[in-house]
């Protein structure tokens, strides 16, 4: 398997050169921020809501207390099933995996605690997808 140059970030934090292309994987872009300010203000370089969970699932994830990991994992499992259930989700995951084989890519969300955020699962999904398609 080729090494992926893949990382995660919290939207709104200062970018670093090793993050490469910063992709926002949220359902909605930052409120009140013009598109031409996304990169300049440290949000992301491109917004890709295709990789975000459905709005209902986002609200369910956010309602859980951080210590309820079993319930959170069930919701992340649902997110993974939904993401990979159609060609658009699978092809987008494949695209990110292929790009990150060649150049640094970072996926980001607004959540402070990555362990409670879908970006941690998305990171694993992309890694697993790359591993299964490199054979």
N, C-alpha and C. Protein backbone atom coordinates (compact mmCIF):
# COMPACT_ATOMS: atom_id res chain seq x y z
N UNK A 1 0.84 -1.19 0.00
CA UNK A 1 0.00 0.00 0.00
C UNK A 1 0.88 1.25 0.00
N UNK A 2 0.49 2.21 -0.81
CA UNK A 2 1.20 3.48 -0.82
C UNK A 2 0.87 4.26 0.45
N UNK A 3 1.84 5.04 0.89
CA UNK A 3 1.63 5.87 2.08
C UNK A 3 0.73 7.04 1.70
N UNK A 4 -0.28 7.27 2.54
CA UNK A 4 -1.15 8.42 2.33
C UNK A 4 -0.60 9.62 3.08
N UNK A 5 -0.67 10.76 2.44
CA UNK A 5 -0.31 12.02 3.08
C UNK A 5 -1.62 12.66 3.53
N UNK A 6 -2.23 12.05 4.54
CA UNK A 6 -3.57 12.41 4.98
C UNK A 6 -3.53 12.80 6.45
N UNK A 7 -4.20 13.89 6.78
CA UNK A 7 -4.30 14.33 8.17
C UNK A 7 -5.67 14.98 8.38
N UNK A 8 -5.92 15.37 9.61
CA UNK A 8 -7.18 16.03 9.95
C UNK A 8 -6.86 17.38 10.60
N UNK A 9 -7.87 18.24 10.65
CA UNK A 9 -7.71 19.54 11.30
C UNK A 9 -9.06 20.06 11.78
N UNK A 10 -9.01 21.00 12.69
CA UNK A 10 -10.22 21.68 13.13
C UNK A 10 -10.36 22.95 12.31
N UNK A 11 -11.50 23.12 11.69
CA UNK A 11 -11.75 24.30 10.87
C UNK A 11 -11.63 25.55 11.75
N UNK A 12 -10.91 26.53 11.22
CA UNK A 12 -10.69 27.79 11.93
C UNK A 12 -9.30 27.88 12.54
N UNK A 13 -8.57 26.74 12.55
CA UNK A 13 -7.20 26.77 13.05
C UNK A 13 -6.26 27.17 11.92
N UNK A 14 -5.14 27.71 12.29
CA UNK A 14 -4.14 28.15 11.31
C UNK A 14 -3.62 26.95 10.52
N UNK A 15 -3.48 27.12 9.23
CA UNK A 15 -2.98 26.03 8.39
C UNK A 15 -1.47 25.93 8.51
N UNK A 16 -0.97 24.74 8.23
CA UNK A 16 0.47 24.48 8.21
C UNK A 16 0.81 23.87 6.86
N UNK A 17 2.04 24.06 6.39
CA UNK A 17 2.41 23.54 5.06
C UNK A 17 2.20 22.04 4.90
N UNK A 18 2.45 21.26 5.97
CA UNK A 18 2.31 19.80 5.84
C UNK A 18 0.85 19.35 5.69
N UNK A 19 -0.11 20.23 5.96
CA UNK A 19 -1.51 19.86 5.79
C UNK A 19 -1.91 19.83 4.32
N UNK A 20 -1.20 20.53 3.49
CA UNK A 20 -1.52 20.55 2.07
C UNK A 20 -2.90 21.13 1.80
N UNK A 21 -3.63 20.49 0.93
CA UNK A 21 -4.98 20.91 0.57
C UNK A 21 -5.92 20.64 1.75
N UNK A 22 -6.54 21.68 2.28
CA UNK A 22 -7.45 21.52 3.43
C UNK A 22 -8.88 21.47 2.90
N UNK A 23 -9.55 20.36 3.18
CA UNK A 23 -10.90 20.13 2.69
C UNK A 23 -11.87 20.16 3.86
N UNK A 24 -12.85 21.04 3.78
CA UNK A 24 -13.91 21.09 4.79
C UNK A 24 -14.96 20.04 4.47
N UNK A 25 -15.18 19.13 5.41
CA UNK A 25 -16.11 18.02 5.19
C UNK A 25 -17.32 18.19 6.13
N UNK A 26 -17.93 19.36 6.04
CA UNK A 26 -19.07 19.71 6.88
C UNK A 26 -20.33 19.82 6.04
N UNK A 27 -21.46 19.67 6.70
CA UNK A 27 -22.73 19.79 6.01
C UNK A 27 -22.95 21.22 5.50
N UNK A 28 -22.50 22.22 6.28
CA UNK A 28 -22.71 23.63 5.91
C UNK A 28 -21.38 24.38 5.99
N UNK A 29 -21.21 25.38 5.13
CA UNK A 29 -19.99 26.20 5.22
C UNK A 29 -20.09 27.12 6.45
N UNK A 30 -19.00 27.80 6.80
CA UNK A 30 -19.06 28.70 7.95
C UNK A 30 -20.06 29.83 7.71
N UNK A 31 -20.91 30.08 8.70
CA UNK A 31 -21.94 31.12 8.56
C UNK A 31 -21.32 32.50 8.52
N UNK A 32 -21.82 33.29 7.59
CA UNK A 32 -21.41 34.68 7.51
C UNK A 32 -20.01 34.92 6.97
N UNK A 33 -19.36 33.87 6.51
CA UNK A 33 -18.00 34.02 5.98
C UNK A 33 -18.07 33.92 4.45
N UNK A 34 -17.68 34.99 3.75
CA UNK A 34 -17.70 34.92 2.29
C UNK A 34 -16.74 33.85 1.77
N UNK A 35 -17.09 33.25 0.67
CA UNK A 35 -16.30 32.17 0.08
C UNK A 35 -14.84 32.59 -0.14
N UNK A 36 -14.62 33.84 -0.53
CA UNK A 36 -13.25 34.29 -0.79
C UNK A 36 -12.41 34.44 0.48
N UNK A 37 -13.02 34.26 1.67
CA UNK A 37 -12.30 34.34 2.94
C UNK A 37 -12.01 32.97 3.54
N UNK A 38 -12.56 31.90 2.97
CA UNK A 38 -12.40 30.56 3.55
C UNK A 38 -10.94 30.20 3.74
N UNK A 39 -10.13 30.33 2.72
CA UNK A 39 -8.71 29.99 2.81
C UNK A 39 -7.94 31.01 3.63
N UNK A 40 -8.15 32.28 3.34
CA UNK A 40 -7.43 33.37 4.02
C UNK A 40 -7.62 33.33 5.53
N UNK A 41 -8.82 33.02 5.97
CA UNK A 41 -9.14 33.04 7.40
C UNK A 41 -8.94 31.68 8.09
N UNK A 42 -8.37 30.72 7.39
CA UNK A 42 -8.03 29.44 8.01
C UNK A 42 -9.17 28.45 8.12
N UNK A 43 -10.20 28.60 7.32
CA UNK A 43 -11.29 27.64 7.38
C UNK A 43 -10.91 26.38 6.59
N UNK A 44 -10.79 26.51 5.28
CA UNK A 44 -10.39 25.40 4.41
C UNK A 44 -10.16 25.96 3.01
N UNK A 45 -9.56 25.13 2.15
CA UNK A 45 -9.33 25.53 0.76
C UNK A 45 -10.53 25.23 -0.12
N UNK A 46 -11.18 24.13 0.18
CA UNK A 46 -12.35 23.72 -0.60
C UNK A 46 -13.36 23.08 0.35
N UNK A 47 -14.62 23.29 0.07
CA UNK A 47 -15.70 22.73 0.89
C UNK A 47 -16.29 21.56 0.12
N UNK A 48 -16.38 20.39 0.79
CA UNK A 48 -16.85 19.16 0.15
C UNK A 48 -17.92 18.50 1.03
N UNK A 49 -19.15 19.01 1.00
CA UNK A 49 -20.20 18.46 1.85
C UNK A 49 -20.59 17.03 1.52
N UNK A 50 -20.16 16.52 0.38
CA UNK A 50 -20.43 15.12 0.01
C UNK A 50 -19.91 14.16 1.07
N UNK A 51 -18.85 14.54 1.78
CA UNK A 51 -18.25 13.67 2.79
C UNK A 51 -18.78 13.92 4.20
N UNK A 52 -19.75 14.80 4.32
CA UNK A 52 -20.34 15.11 5.63
C UNK A 52 -21.52 14.18 5.91
N UNK A 53 -21.76 13.90 7.18
CA UNK A 53 -22.96 13.12 7.54
C UNK A 53 -24.23 13.93 7.23
N UNK A 54 -25.32 13.22 7.09
CA UNK A 54 -26.61 13.88 6.92
C UNK A 54 -26.90 14.75 8.15
N UNK A 55 -27.69 15.81 7.96
CA UNK A 55 -27.97 16.77 9.04
C UNK A 55 -28.54 16.11 10.29
N UNK A 56 -29.47 15.16 10.12
CA UNK A 56 -30.07 14.48 11.27
C UNK A 56 -29.02 13.71 12.07
N UNK A 57 -28.12 13.05 11.36
CA UNK A 57 -27.07 12.28 12.01
C UNK A 57 -26.09 13.20 12.73
N UNK A 58 -25.77 14.34 12.13
CA UNK A 58 -24.89 15.32 12.78
C UNK A 58 -25.48 15.75 14.11
N UNK A 59 -26.77 16.07 14.12
CA UNK A 59 -27.40 16.52 15.38
C UNK A 59 -27.41 15.41 16.42
N UNK A 60 -27.58 14.16 16.00
CA UNK A 60 -27.55 13.04 16.95
C UNK A 60 -26.15 12.87 17.54
N UNK A 61 -25.13 13.00 16.71
CA UNK A 61 -23.75 12.87 17.17
C UNK A 61 -23.43 13.98 18.16
N UNK A 62 -23.82 15.20 17.84
CA UNK A 62 -23.50 16.34 18.70
C UNK A 62 -24.22 16.30 20.04
N UNK A 63 -25.36 15.64 20.09
CA UNK A 63 -26.12 15.56 21.34
C UNK A 63 -25.51 14.59 22.35
N UNK A 64 -24.68 13.67 21.88
CA UNK A 64 -24.10 12.67 22.78
C UNK A 64 -22.99 13.26 23.64
N UNK A 65 -22.95 12.83 24.88
CA UNK A 65 -21.83 13.20 25.75
C UNK A 65 -20.59 12.45 25.28
N UNK A 66 -19.40 13.07 25.43
CA UNK A 66 -18.17 12.41 24.97
C UNK A 66 -17.94 11.02 25.58
N UNK A 67 -18.41 10.77 26.78
CA UNK A 67 -18.17 9.47 27.41
C UNK A 67 -19.07 8.35 26.85
N UNK A 68 -20.00 8.67 26.00
CA UNK A 68 -20.90 7.66 25.42
C UNK A 68 -20.33 7.15 24.10
N UNK A 69 -19.15 6.56 24.18
CA UNK A 69 -18.46 6.12 22.97
C UNK A 69 -19.18 4.99 22.24
N UNK A 70 -19.80 4.09 22.96
CA UNK A 70 -20.50 2.98 22.30
C UNK A 70 -21.61 3.51 21.39
N UNK A 71 -22.40 4.46 21.90
CA UNK A 71 -23.47 5.05 21.10
C UNK A 71 -22.89 5.84 19.93
N UNK A 72 -21.80 6.56 20.20
CA UNK A 72 -21.16 7.35 19.15
C UNK A 72 -20.64 6.44 18.04
N UNK A 73 -20.04 5.31 18.40
CA UNK A 73 -19.54 4.36 17.39
C UNK A 73 -20.68 3.84 16.52
N UNK A 74 -21.84 3.60 17.12
CA UNK A 74 -23.00 3.15 16.33
C UNK A 74 -23.39 4.21 15.30
N UNK A 75 -23.37 5.49 15.73
CA UNK A 75 -23.71 6.57 14.80
C UNK A 75 -22.63 6.72 13.73
N UNK A 76 -21.36 6.54 14.10
CA UNK A 76 -20.28 6.59 13.11
C UNK A 76 -20.39 5.41 12.14
N UNK A 77 -20.82 4.25 12.63
CA UNK A 77 -21.04 3.11 11.75
C UNK A 77 -22.13 3.45 10.72
N UNK A 78 -23.18 4.09 11.20
CA UNK A 78 -24.27 4.51 10.30
C UNK A 78 -23.75 5.50 9.26
N UNK A 79 -22.93 6.46 9.71
CA UNK A 79 -22.33 7.44 8.79
C UNK A 79 -21.53 6.71 7.70
N UNK A 80 -20.72 5.74 8.10
CA UNK A 80 -19.90 5.01 7.14
C UNK A 80 -20.78 4.25 6.14
N UNK A 81 -21.81 3.58 6.64
CA UNK A 81 -22.72 2.85 5.74
C UNK A 81 -23.37 3.80 4.74
N UNK A 82 -23.86 4.94 5.24
CA UNK A 82 -24.52 5.92 4.36
C UNK A 82 -23.54 6.49 3.34
N UNK A 83 -22.34 6.82 3.78
CA UNK A 83 -21.34 7.41 2.89
C UNK A 83 -20.99 6.46 1.75
N UNK A 84 -20.81 5.19 2.08
CA UNK A 84 -20.37 4.22 1.09
C UNK A 84 -21.53 3.51 0.37
N UNK A 85 -22.75 3.92 0.65
CA UNK A 85 -23.91 3.25 0.07
C UNK A 85 -24.20 3.67 -1.37
N UNK A 86 -23.61 4.76 -1.81
CA UNK A 86 -23.85 5.17 -3.19
C UNK A 86 -22.53 5.49 -3.90
N UNK A 87 -22.61 5.55 -5.21
CA UNK A 87 -21.41 5.75 -6.02
C UNK A 87 -20.75 7.09 -5.73
N UNK A 88 -21.51 8.13 -5.49
CA UNK A 88 -20.93 9.45 -5.22
C UNK A 88 -20.03 9.41 -3.99
N UNK A 89 -20.50 8.83 -2.91
CA UNK A 89 -19.70 8.73 -1.70
C UNK A 89 -18.46 7.89 -1.91
N UNK A 90 -18.62 6.73 -2.52
CA UNK A 90 -17.47 5.84 -2.76
C UNK A 90 -16.44 6.49 -3.68
N UNK A 91 -16.90 7.14 -4.75
CA UNK A 91 -15.98 7.77 -5.69
C UNK A 91 -15.26 8.96 -5.06
N UNK A 92 -15.94 9.69 -4.19
CA UNK A 92 -15.31 10.82 -3.51
C UNK A 92 -14.24 10.33 -2.54
N UNK A 93 -14.53 9.28 -1.80
CA UNK A 93 -13.55 8.68 -0.90
C UNK A 93 -12.35 8.20 -1.71
N UNK A 94 -12.60 7.56 -2.84
CA UNK A 94 -11.52 7.09 -3.71
C UNK A 94 -10.68 8.25 -4.22
N UNK A 95 -11.31 9.34 -4.61
CA UNK A 95 -10.60 10.51 -5.10
C UNK A 95 -9.67 11.07 -4.02
N UNK A 96 -10.17 11.23 -2.80
CA UNK A 96 -9.35 11.76 -1.71
C UNK A 96 -8.18 10.82 -1.42
N UNK A 97 -8.45 9.51 -1.44
CA UNK A 97 -7.37 8.54 -1.21
C UNK A 97 -6.30 8.66 -2.29
N UNK A 98 -6.70 8.75 -3.54
CA UNK A 98 -5.75 8.83 -4.65
C UNK A 98 -4.95 10.14 -4.60
N UNK A 99 -5.61 11.24 -4.32
CA UNK A 99 -4.91 12.52 -4.23
C UNK A 99 -3.90 12.48 -3.09
N UNK A 100 -4.30 11.90 -1.95
CA UNK A 100 -3.40 11.89 -0.78
C UNK A 100 -2.24 10.90 -0.94
N UNK A 101 -2.27 10.06 -1.96
CA UNK A 101 -1.10 9.24 -2.28
C UNK A 101 0.01 10.09 -2.89
N UNK A 102 -0.38 11.21 -3.50
CA UNK A 102 0.55 12.03 -4.25
C UNK A 102 0.92 13.35 -3.57
N UNK A 103 -0.01 13.89 -2.78
CA UNK A 103 0.19 15.21 -2.18
C UNK A 103 -0.56 15.28 -0.85
N UNK A 104 -0.12 16.11 0.07
CA UNK A 104 -0.80 16.20 1.37
C UNK A 104 -2.24 16.72 1.25
N UNK A 105 -3.11 16.06 1.98
CA UNK A 105 -4.52 16.43 2.05
C UNK A 105 -4.94 16.35 3.51
N UNK A 106 -5.72 17.33 3.95
CA UNK A 106 -6.25 17.32 5.31
C UNK A 106 -7.76 17.48 5.24
N UNK A 107 -8.46 16.73 6.08
CA UNK A 107 -9.91 16.82 6.15
C UNK A 107 -10.29 17.45 7.48
N UNK A 108 -11.23 18.39 7.42
CA UNK A 108 -11.55 19.12 8.64
C UNK A 108 -13.02 19.35 8.88
N UNK A 109 -13.29 19.58 10.16
CA UNK A 109 -14.65 19.87 10.65
C UNK A 109 -14.52 20.90 11.76
N UNK A 110 -15.64 21.43 12.21
CA UNK A 110 -15.64 22.45 13.25
C UNK A 110 -15.43 21.89 14.66
N UNK A 111 -15.68 20.61 14.86
CA UNK A 111 -15.61 20.00 16.20
C UNK A 111 -14.24 20.16 16.83
N UNK A 112 -14.22 20.52 18.11
CA UNK A 112 -12.95 20.65 18.84
C UNK A 112 -12.35 19.28 19.13
N UNK A 113 -13.18 18.36 19.61
CA UNK A 113 -12.70 17.04 20.02
C UNK A 113 -12.82 16.08 18.84
N UNK A 114 -11.69 15.77 18.23
CA UNK A 114 -11.70 14.91 17.06
C UNK A 114 -12.26 13.53 17.35
N UNK A 115 -12.07 13.03 18.56
CA UNK A 115 -12.56 11.69 18.88
C UNK A 115 -14.10 11.63 18.86
N UNK A 116 -14.73 12.78 18.97
CA UNK A 116 -16.20 12.86 18.93
C UNK A 116 -16.70 13.36 17.58
N UNK A 117 -15.83 13.42 16.61
CA UNK A 117 -16.14 14.03 15.32
C UNK A 117 -16.08 13.00 14.19
N UNK A 118 -16.94 13.17 13.21
CA UNK A 118 -16.96 12.25 12.07
C UNK A 118 -15.66 12.27 11.28
N UNK A 119 -14.86 13.33 11.38
CA UNK A 119 -13.61 13.37 10.60
C UNK A 119 -12.65 12.26 11.02
N UNK A 120 -12.73 11.83 12.29
CA UNK A 120 -11.87 10.73 12.72
C UNK A 120 -12.27 9.44 12.02
N UNK A 121 -13.56 9.20 11.87
CA UNK A 121 -14.03 8.00 11.14
C UNK A 121 -13.73 8.14 9.65
N UNK A 122 -13.94 9.33 9.10
CA UNK A 122 -13.66 9.54 7.68
C UNK A 122 -12.19 9.28 7.38
N UNK A 123 -11.31 9.69 8.26
CA UNK A 123 -9.88 9.43 8.11
C UNK A 123 -9.64 7.93 7.97
N UNK A 124 -10.26 7.14 8.85
CA UNK A 124 -10.11 5.68 8.80
C UNK A 124 -10.72 5.09 7.53
N UNK A 125 -11.88 5.62 7.13
CA UNK A 125 -12.55 5.13 5.93
C UNK A 125 -11.65 5.31 4.71
N UNK A 126 -11.05 6.49 4.60
CA UNK A 126 -10.17 6.77 3.47
C UNK A 126 -8.95 5.85 3.50
N UNK A 127 -8.36 5.66 4.68
CA UNK A 127 -7.21 4.75 4.82
C UNK A 127 -7.59 3.33 4.42
N UNK A 128 -8.71 2.84 4.93
CA UNK A 128 -9.15 1.48 4.61
C UNK A 128 -9.46 1.33 3.13
N UNK A 129 -10.07 2.35 2.56
CA UNK A 129 -10.41 2.30 1.14
C UNK A 129 -9.13 2.22 0.29
N UNK A 130 -8.14 3.04 0.66
CA UNK A 130 -6.87 3.02 -0.07
C UNK A 130 -6.20 1.65 0.06
N UNK A 131 -6.21 1.08 1.25
CA UNK A 131 -5.58 -0.23 1.48
C UNK A 131 -6.27 -1.33 0.66
N UNK A 132 -7.58 -1.29 0.63
CA UNK A 132 -8.32 -2.36 -0.07
C UNK A 132 -8.23 -2.22 -1.59
N UNK A 133 -7.91 -1.02 -2.07
CA UNK A 133 -7.82 -0.82 -3.52
C UNK A 133 -6.39 -0.81 -4.05
N UNK A 134 -5.43 -1.07 -3.17
CA UNK A 134 -4.03 -1.07 -3.62
C UNK A 134 -3.54 -2.48 -3.88
N UNK A 135 -4.35 -3.46 -3.62
CA UNK A 135 -3.94 -4.86 -3.80
C UNK A 135 -3.97 -5.26 -5.24
